[in-house]
Amino acid sequence: NVKDYYAEFLVPVLADMPGAQMLDVEAAVRYSDYDSVDSTTTWRLAANWAPVESFRVRATRSKNVRAPNLFELNSAQSTLLSNLTDPCDDNAIAGGPNRVANCAALGIPAGWDDPRAGFSSNILIGGNPDLEAETSNSWTLGVVFNSTNVKSNFRAAVDYWNIDLDEAISETDPTTIINNCVDAPDINNAFCALVTRDAENYSIISVKSTKINVSELFAEGVDFEFSYYHDMPGLFEGDDGGLSIGLNGTYLLANELTPIQGDSNTLDIRDGELGYPEWRFNFRADYTSGPLSLTWSLRYIDSTVVDTTPPEAPPGFSSYYPAEYNHFDSAMYNDLSAAYWLGEHFELSAGVNNVFDEEPPIEGRFYTAAAAGGFDQIGRFY
């Protein structure tokens, strides 16, 4: 259950003046009282300035929250068994620069050999009723241009955006949890609280692999949108035609995930990686004439890599990924369709998607990247 209390204000500051066809200021605040998490307060400030009728500058600054949903909080918990390699074991403690100090802080003596090596530990999975709300701070700055006459209309919008998300909810596998516990700068972190050790022999008894508030995400980019419409001659006697063209997309400047909030050693730079291309856009052109409509759609995904900062190469190898395994080519998909309106209740339509049968890229010999990168998985179909 949640109770919301909110207020919104729109103040028209200036209008119909030289250099200020319109100047509006907006403000909003919301207080939310949840029965599942602590109460939250969000707010938003915005301004719109149009020096002339066809041109507008807009800006927003806001604080936002996302409360955990019912599944994240209350999905059924269950216990699994899994073999884990203890990072404090003498054979694994050299795997991170902080492990010696952190394992000692946990009370584990130097040269310790895990007596439960090869045995299973309990892994708790499911919801976490102790989750808190995610919080973010964001701001945007953009411009909008409109041009209209009797036969055509043009609109363009470009917006810069910047989002900084804290206390992000994430689900981490047990191996990562036990490693992050002792790879962090100290043991006062969210991961160590999920690990239970035997008080006498120090072995891991159980790991809570549930969702936790632990990550930080920063992203920024530029969204753009262009649209144009123009009257055209019709194909049929007595009919008028029209052509509309639209382009919208995103230029990604940064997408950075910090799995352990505040620990820069865990920073994962994802912009340019699979699923986070630098450029992504959609184009669409529609021509209509009476009952007939023709459509061409195009979707573009920029080239990406598996990892912008791959791990250190194994001994004897020049790189962690051979070059051909760490690269995905760009993809462009074209769709064509036509529709004819037959009457009040019937329309005849046909189309072909992925006209040029663009295949999804392949990462080495292991898997296709169709699902992860948003690529078409089927090929040409009708």
Protein backbone atom coordinates (compact mmCIF):
# COMPACT_ATOMS: atom_id res chain seq x y z
CA ASN A 1 0.00 0.00 0.00
CA VAL A 2 1.15 3.54 -0.69
CA LYS A 3 -0.25 6.98 0.07
CA ASP A 4 0.84 9.89 -2.12
CA TYR A 5 0.67 13.61 -1.39
CA TYR A 6 1.70 15.90 -4.21
CA ALA A 7 1.57 19.43 -5.52
CA GLU A 8 2.22 20.81 -9.00
CA PHE A 9 2.66 24.38 -10.17
CA LEU A 10 2.80 25.95 -13.63
CA VAL A 11 3.66 29.64 -13.67
CA PRO A 12 3.40 31.58 -16.96
CA VAL A 13 6.09 34.21 -16.39
CA LEU A 14 6.15 36.00 -19.76
CA ALA A 15 4.08 35.84 -22.95
CA ASP A 16 3.84 37.66 -26.30
CA MET A 17 6.84 39.87 -25.67
CA PRO A 18 9.93 40.60 -27.80
CA GLY A 19 12.44 37.81 -27.09
CA ALA A 20 9.89 35.95 -24.97
CA GLN A 21 6.98 34.61 -26.93
CA MET A 22 6.57 32.30 -23.95
CA LEU A 23 8.37 31.67 -20.65
CA ASP A 24 6.91 29.10 -18.24
CA VAL A 25 8.28 27.69 -15.01
CA GLU A 26 7.09 24.38 -13.54
CA ALA A 27 7.56 22.84 -10.10
CA ALA A 28 6.31 19.60 -8.58
CA VAL A 29 6.85 17.68 -5.36
CA ARG A 30 5.55 14.31 -4.21
CA TYR A 31 5.71 12.59 -0.82
CA SER A 32 5.05 8.83 -0.87
CA ASP A 33 4.36 6.80 2.25
CA TYR A 34 4.92 3.07 1.54
CA ASP A 35 4.17 0.19 3.86
CA SER A 36 7.01 -1.82 2.30
CA VAL A 37 9.90 0.70 2.29
CA ASP A 38 10.73 4.01 3.92
CA SER A 39 8.82 7.10 2.83
CA THR A 40 10.26 9.02 -0.12
CA THR A 41 10.19 12.57 -1.44
CA THR A 42 10.66 13.41 -5.10
CA TRP A 43 10.65 16.73 -6.90
CA ARG A 44 10.93 18.30 -10.33
CA LEU A 45 11.80 21.76 -11.65
CA ALA A 46 11.36 22.71 -15.30
CA ALA A 47 11.45 25.74 -17.56
CA ASN A 48 10.29 26.37 -21.13
CA TRP A 49 11.40 29.46 -23.04
CA ALA A 50 10.31 30.33 -26.58
CA PRO A 51 12.02 33.51 -27.85
CA VAL A 52 9.97 33.12 -31.05
CA GLU A 53 6.96 30.96 -31.86
CA SER A 54 8.91 28.35 -33.85
CA PHE A 55 11.81 27.80 -31.42
CA ARG A 56 11.79 26.61 -27.80
CA VAL A 57 14.42 25.80 -25.17
CA ARG A 58 13.48 23.41 -22.36
CA ALA A 59 15.27 22.19 -19.23
CA THR A 60 14.40 19.96 -16.27
CA ARG A 61 16.05 18.98 -13.00
CA SER A 62 14.55 16.22 -10.90
CA LYS A 63 14.99 13.71 -8.13
CA ASN A 64 13.22 10.39 -8.70
CA VAL A 65 12.72 7.10 -6.90
CA ARG A 66 11.64 3.59 -7.78
CA ALA A 67 10.26 1.49 -4.96
CA PRO A 68 10.94 -2.27 -5.22
CA ASN A 69 8.06 -4.14 -6.78
CA LEU A 70 6.15 -7.03 -5.21
CA PHE A 71 8.26 -9.66 -6.99
CA GLU A 72 11.53 -8.13 -5.81
CA LEU A 73 10.23 -7.92 -2.25
CA ASN A 74 8.14 -11.02 -1.81
CA SER A 75 8.92 -13.69 -4.39
CA ALA A 76 9.15 -17.08 -2.71
CA GLN A 77 12.53 -17.90 -1.21
CA SER A 78 14.15 -21.30 -1.61
CA THR A 79 17.50 -22.91 -0.82
CA LEU A 80 19.84 -24.46 -3.36
CA LEU A 81 23.16 -26.24 -2.98
CA SER A 82 26.32 -25.10 -4.74
CA ASN A 83 30.06 -25.74 -4.57
CA LEU A 84 31.97 -22.51 -3.95
CA THR A 85 35.66 -21.65 -4.04
CA ASP A 86 36.36 -19.60 -0.94
CA PRO A 87 38.39 -16.49 -1.89
CA CYS A 88 40.08 -16.61 1.54
CA ASP A 89 41.48 -20.09 0.89
CA ASP A 90 45.26 -20.08 0.63
CA ASN A 91 44.99 -21.16 -3.03
CA ALA A 92 42.69 -18.24 -3.96
CA ILE A 93 43.66 -15.38 -1.66
CA ALA A 94 46.09 -13.90 -4.20
CA GLY A 95 43.18 -13.26 -6.59
CA GLY A 96 42.62 -9.69 -5.37
CA PRO A 97 44.73 -6.93 -3.78
CA ASN A 98 42.39 -6.49 -0.79
CA ARG A 99 41.82 -10.14 0.05
CA VAL A 100 44.65 -10.65 2.55
CA ALA A 101 43.58 -7.66 4.69
CA ASN A 102 39.85 -8.35 4.42
CA CYS A 103 40.13 -12.07 5.15
CA ALA A 104 42.20 -11.21 8.21
CA ALA A 105 39.50 -8.70 9.23
CA LEU A 106 37.00 -11.57 9.07
CA GLY A 107 39.16 -13.44 11.56
CA ILE A 108 40.56 -15.96 9.10
CA PRO A 109 44.22 -16.81 9.79
CA ALA A 110 46.95 -16.57 7.15
CA GLY A 111 47.57 -19.76 5.17
CA TRP A 112 44.05 -21.03 5.89
CA ASP A 113 42.84 -24.05 3.88
CA ASP A 114 39.09 -24.40 3.56
CA PRO A 115 38.09 -27.68 5.27
CA ARG A 116 34.80 -27.69 3.34
CA ALA A 117 36.44 -27.40 -0.10
CA GLY A 118 34.48 -29.56 -2.51
CA PHE A 119 31.39 -29.59 -0.27
CA SER A 120 28.18 -27.72 -1.03
CA SER A 121 26.99 -24.56 0.69
CA ASN A 122 23.40 -23.39 1.08
CA ILE A 123 22.35 -20.66 -1.38
CA LEU A 124 19.21 -18.67 -0.53
CA ILE A 125 17.43 -17.19 -3.56
CA GLY A 126 14.20 -15.22 -3.96
CA GLY A 127 12.76 -11.91 -2.81
CA ASN A 128 14.19 -9.59 -0.19
CA PRO A 129 11.67 -7.78 2.07
CA ASP A 130 14.45 -5.49 3.35
CA LEU A 131 15.00 -3.72 0.02
CA GLU A 132 14.89 0.07 -0.12
CA ALA A 133 13.87 2.38 -2.96
CA GLU A 134 16.28 3.23 -5.76
CA THR A 135 17.03 6.95 -6.06
CA SER A 136 18.22 8.99 -9.02
CA ASN A 137 19.11 12.55 -9.89
CA SER A 138 18.64 13.66 -13.48
CA TRP A 139 18.60 16.72 -15.66
CA THR A 140 17.86 17.44 -19.28
CA LEU A 141 18.45 20.34 -21.63
CA GLY A 142 16.95 20.51 -25.10
CA VAL A 143 15.72 22.59 -28.00
CA VAL A 144 12.64 22.22 -30.20
CA PHE A 145 12.07 23.76 -33.63
CA ASN A 146 8.76 23.81 -35.51
CA SER A 147 8.09 25.11 -39.00
CA THR A 148 4.60 24.97 -40.47
CA ASN A 149 3.08 26.20 -43.69
CA VAL A 150 0.06 25.32 -45.80
CA LYS A 151 1.51 22.18 -47.43
CA SER A 152 4.27 20.98 -45.11
CA ASN A 153 5.37 20.69 -41.50
CA PHE A 154 8.84 20.18 -40.04
CA ARG A 155 9.73 19.47 -36.42
CA ALA A 156 13.12 18.87 -34.80
CA ALA A 157 13.99 18.17 -31.17
CA VAL A 158 17.39 17.51 -29.58
CA ASP A 159 17.72 16.78 -25.85
CA TYR A 160 20.77 16.12 -23.69
CA TRP A 161 20.08 13.91 -20.65
CA ASN A 162 22.08 12.91 -17.61
CA ILE A 163 20.99 10.29 -15.02
CA ASP A 164 22.80 9.22 -11.84
CA LEU A 165 21.15 6.23 -10.12
CA ASP A 166 22.07 5.14 -6.57
CA GLU A 167 21.10 2.12 -4.48
CA ALA A 168 20.19 0.23 -7.63
CA ILE A 169 18.53 -3.13 -7.01
CA SER A 170 20.50 -6.03 -8.44
CA GLU A 171 20.71 -9.78 -8.07
CA THR A 172 24.23 -11.20 -7.80
CA ASP A 173 25.39 -14.81 -8.11
CA PRO A 174 26.93 -16.40 -4.99
CA THR A 175 30.48 -16.59 -6.38
CA THR A 176 30.45 -12.84 -7.11
CA ILE A 177 29.01 -12.14 -3.66
CA ILE A 178 31.76 -13.96 -1.75
CA ASN A 179 34.46 -12.47 -3.98
CA ASN A 180 33.09 -8.92 -3.73
CA CYS A 181 32.95 -9.23 0.05
CA VAL A 182 36.75 -9.49 0.30
CA ASP A 183 37.66 -7.62 -2.90
CA ALA A 184 36.02 -4.39 -1.67
CA PRO A 185 38.17 -1.78 0.11
CA ASP A 186 36.99 -3.16 3.49
CA ILE A 187 34.49 -5.66 4.87
CA ASN A 188 31.90 -2.98 5.71
CA ASN A 189 29.97 -3.60 2.50
CA ALA A 190 26.63 -5.02 1.48
CA PHE A 191 28.12 -8.31 0.24
CA CYS A 192 29.77 -9.46 3.47
CA ALA A 193 26.40 -9.21 5.21
CA LEU A 194 25.11 -11.90 2.84
CA VAL A 195 27.76 -14.48 3.75
CA THR A 196 27.50 -16.71 6.85
CA ARG A 197 30.66 -18.50 8.03
CA ASP A 198 31.22 -21.24 10.59
CA ALA A 199 32.39 -19.64 13.83
CA GLU A 200 34.96 -22.37 14.45
CA ASN A 201 36.50 -23.36 11.10
CA TYR A 202 35.58 -20.14 9.12
CA SER A 203 34.08 -22.09 6.18
CA ILE A 204 31.16 -20.62 4.26
CA ILE A 205 27.91 -22.18 5.46
CA SER A 206 25.41 -20.16 3.41
CA VAL A 207 25.08 -17.22 1.00
CA LYS A 208 22.01 -15.03 0.54
CA SER A 209 21.85 -14.58 -3.23
CA THR A 210 18.76 -12.36 -3.09
CA LYS A 211 18.24 -8.92 -4.58
CA ILE A 212 20.03 -6.10 -2.75
CA ASN A 213 20.52 -2.33 -2.99
CA VAL A 214 24.17 -2.23 -3.96
CA SER A 215 24.85 -0.81 -7.42
CA GLU A 216 25.34 2.62 -8.94
CA LEU A 217 24.56 3.55 -12.55
CA PHE A 218 25.50 6.68 -14.46
CA ALA A 219 24.30 7.34 -17.99
CA GLU A 220 24.21 10.32 -20.32
CA GLY A 221 23.36 10.83 -23.94
CA VAL A 222 21.54 12.85 -26.56
CA ASP A 223 18.09 11.99 -27.90
CA PHE A 224 17.08 13.39 -31.26
CA GLU A 225 13.84 13.44 -33.23
CA PHE A 226 13.06 14.82 -36.67
CA SER A 227 9.76 14.67 -38.53
CA TYR A 228 8.57 16.11 -41.83
CA TYR A 229 5.25 16.04 -43.68
CA HIS A 230 4.46 17.30 -47.16
CA ASP A 231 1.39 17.15 -49.36
CA MET A 232 1.96 14.99 -52.43
CA PRO A 233 0.02 14.17 -55.61
CA GLY A 234 -2.31 11.21 -55.19
CA LEU A 235 -2.11 7.99 -57.22
CA PHE A 236 -5.84 7.80 -57.78
CA GLU A 237 -8.11 10.30 -59.46
CA GLY A 238 -9.63 12.65 -56.94
CA ASP A 239 -7.34 11.60 -54.11
CA ASP A 240 -4.71 13.70 -52.38
CA GLY A 241 -1.47 12.15 -51.20
CA GLY A 242 0.92 12.83 -48.37
CA LEU A 243 4.47 11.90 -47.43
CA SER A 244 5.61 11.78 -43.80
CA ILE A 245 9.20 11.09 -42.72
CA GLY A 246 10.42 10.52 -39.18
CA LEU A 247 13.79 9.85 -37.56
CA ASN A 248 14.40 9.32 -33.84
CA GLY A 249 17.36 7.89 -31.99
CA THR A 250 19.98 8.18 -29.29
CA TYR A 251 23.66 9.04 -29.20
CA LEU A 252 25.05 7.39 -26.06
CA LEU A 253 27.81 9.33 -24.33
CA ALA A 254 28.25 7.17 -21.23
CA ASN A 255 26.81 4.13 -19.49
CA GLU A 256 28.78 3.18 -16.40
CA LEU A 257 27.83 0.54 -13.84
CA THR A 258 29.52 0.35 -10.44
CA PRO A 259 28.41 -3.00 -8.91
CA ILE A 260 29.77 -1.97 -5.48
CA GLN A 261 28.58 1.57 -4.95
CA GLY A 262 31.46 3.91 -4.12
CA ASP A 263 34.17 1.40 -5.13
CA SER A 264 35.74 2.70 -8.34
CA ASN A 265 37.70 -0.56 -8.70
CA THR A 266 34.44 -2.27 -9.72
CA LEU A 267 33.57 0.31 -12.38
CA ASP A 268 32.25 -1.29 -15.59
CA ILE A 269 32.26 1.07 -18.59
CA ARG A 270 29.47 -0.29 -20.79
CA ASP A 271 28.98 2.38 -23.47
CA GLY A 272 30.05 0.82 -26.76
CA GLU A 273 29.47 -2.71 -25.46
CA LEU A 274 26.85 -5.18 -26.63
CA GLY A 275 23.43 -3.79 -25.75
CA TYR A 276 24.76 -0.23 -25.35
CA PRO A 277 25.74 0.99 -28.85
CA GLU A 278 27.01 4.52 -29.36
CA TRP A 279 24.41 5.20 -32.07
CA ARG A 280 20.92 3.74 -32.37
CA PHE A 281 18.08 5.15 -34.46
CA ASN A 282 14.81 4.35 -36.24
CA PHE A 283 13.65 5.85 -39.53
CA ARG A 284 10.17 5.62 -41.04
CA ALA A 285 8.64 6.95 -44.24
CA ASP A 286 4.91 6.73 -45.03
CA TYR A 287 3.13 7.62 -48.24
CA THR A 288 -0.66 7.71 -48.34
CA SER A 289 -3.03 8.18 -51.23
CA GLY A 290 -6.72 7.63 -50.58
CA PRO A 291 -7.17 4.04 -49.39
CA LEU A 292 -3.53 3.08 -50.09
CA SER A 293 -0.63 3.43 -47.66
CA LEU A 294 3.01 2.44 -48.24
CA THR A 295 5.59 2.25 -45.43
CA TRP A 296 9.35 1.87 -45.28
CA SER A 297 10.94 1.37 -41.85
CA LEU A 298 14.64 1.25 -41.08
CA ARG A 299 16.36 0.35 -37.80
CA TYR A 300 20.08 0.92 -37.17
CA ILE A 301 22.30 -0.47 -34.38
CA ASP A 302 25.90 0.72 -34.21
CA SER A 303 28.87 -1.66 -33.99
CA THR A 304 29.80 -2.80 -30.47
CA VAL A 305 32.26 -4.98 -28.57
CA VAL A 306 31.84 -7.70 -25.97
CA ASP A 307 33.97 -5.81 -23.45
CA THR A 308 35.51 -2.33 -23.73
CA THR A 309 38.03 -3.24 -21.01
CA PRO A 310 38.62 -6.99 -21.35
CA PRO A 311 40.46 -8.82 -18.55
CA GLU A 312 44.20 -9.26 -18.65
CA ALA A 313 45.33 -11.76 -21.26
CA PRO A 314 46.21 -15.26 -20.03
CA PRO A 315 49.92 -16.20 -20.11
CA GLY A 316 51.09 -16.79 -23.67
CA PHE A 317 48.22 -14.81 -25.28
CA SER A 318 48.37 -11.28 -26.68
CA SER A 319 44.77 -10.45 -25.69
CA TYR A 320 41.89 -11.86 -23.65
CA TYR A 321 39.60 -11.84 -26.68
CA PRO A 322 40.87 -12.52 -30.20
CA ALA A 323 39.90 -9.45 -32.21
CA GLU A 324 37.20 -11.26 -34.17
CA TYR A 325 35.56 -12.45 -30.94
CA ASN A 326 35.35 -9.00 -29.33
CA HIS A 327 33.52 -7.19 -32.12
CA PHE A 328 29.96 -7.00 -33.43
CA ASP A 329 29.34 -5.32 -36.77
CA SER A 330 26.65 -2.67 -37.06
CA ALA A 331 23.25 -3.81 -38.30
CA MET A 332 20.61 -2.12 -40.43
CA TYR A 333 17.16 -3.64 -40.91
CA ASN A 334 14.71 -2.58 -43.61
CA ASP A 335 10.98 -3.37 -43.51
CA LEU A 336 8.45 -2.70 -46.27
CA SER A 337 4.66 -2.88 -46.03
CA ALA A 338 1.56 -1.86 -47.93
CA ALA A 339 -2.08 -1.64 -46.89
CA TYR A 340 -5.30 -0.98 -48.82
CA TRP A 341 -8.53 0.04 -47.11
CA LEU A 342 -11.34 -1.99 -48.69
CA GLY A 343 -14.26 -0.58 -46.79
CA GLU A 344 -15.71 0.15 -43.41
CA HIS A 345 -14.55 -3.10 -41.78
CA PHE A 346 -11.80 -4.53 -43.99
CA GLU A 347 -8.19 -3.74 -44.80
CA LEU A 348 -5.80 -5.78 -46.95
CA SER A 349 -2.14 -5.58 -45.95
CA ALA A 350 1.14 -7.28 -46.80
CA GLY A 351 4.77 -6.74 -45.90
CA VAL A 352 8.27 -8.10 -45.66
CA ASN A 353 10.52 -7.55 -42.62
CA ASN A 354 14.31 -7.58 -42.79
CA VAL A 355 14.18 -7.21 -46.56
CA PHE A 356 17.89 -7.87 -47.10
CA ASP A 357 17.97 -10.89 -44.73
CA GLU A 358 20.44 -9.29 -42.31
CA GLU A 359 21.77 -12.00 -39.99
CA PRO A 360 22.52 -11.44 -36.29
CA PRO A 361 26.23 -11.13 -35.51
CA ILE A 362 28.07 -14.06 -34.02
CA GLU A 363 30.42 -13.74 -31.04
CA GLY A 364 33.20 -16.21 -31.77
CA ARG A 365 31.95 -19.79 -31.84
CA PHE A 366 29.84 -19.55 -28.72
CA TYR A 367 26.52 -17.73 -29.12
CA THR A 368 24.53 -15.33 -31.22
CA ALA A 369 24.08 -11.85 -29.85
CA ALA A 370 20.52 -11.45 -31.11
CA ALA A 371 18.79 -11.20 -27.77
CA ALA A 372 21.44 -9.25 -25.88
CA GLY A 373 22.01 -6.57 -28.50
CA GLY A 374 18.49 -6.10 -29.87
CA PHE A 375 19.34 -7.70 -33.20
CA ASP A 376 16.80 -9.45 -35.42
CA GLN A 377 16.78 -13.18 -34.70
CA ILE A 378 14.69 -14.56 -37.54
CA GLY A 379 15.96 -13.09 -40.80
CA ARG A 380 13.67 -12.15 -43.68
CA PHE A 381 10.02 -12.98 -43.12
CA TYR A 382 6.72 -12.04 -44.75
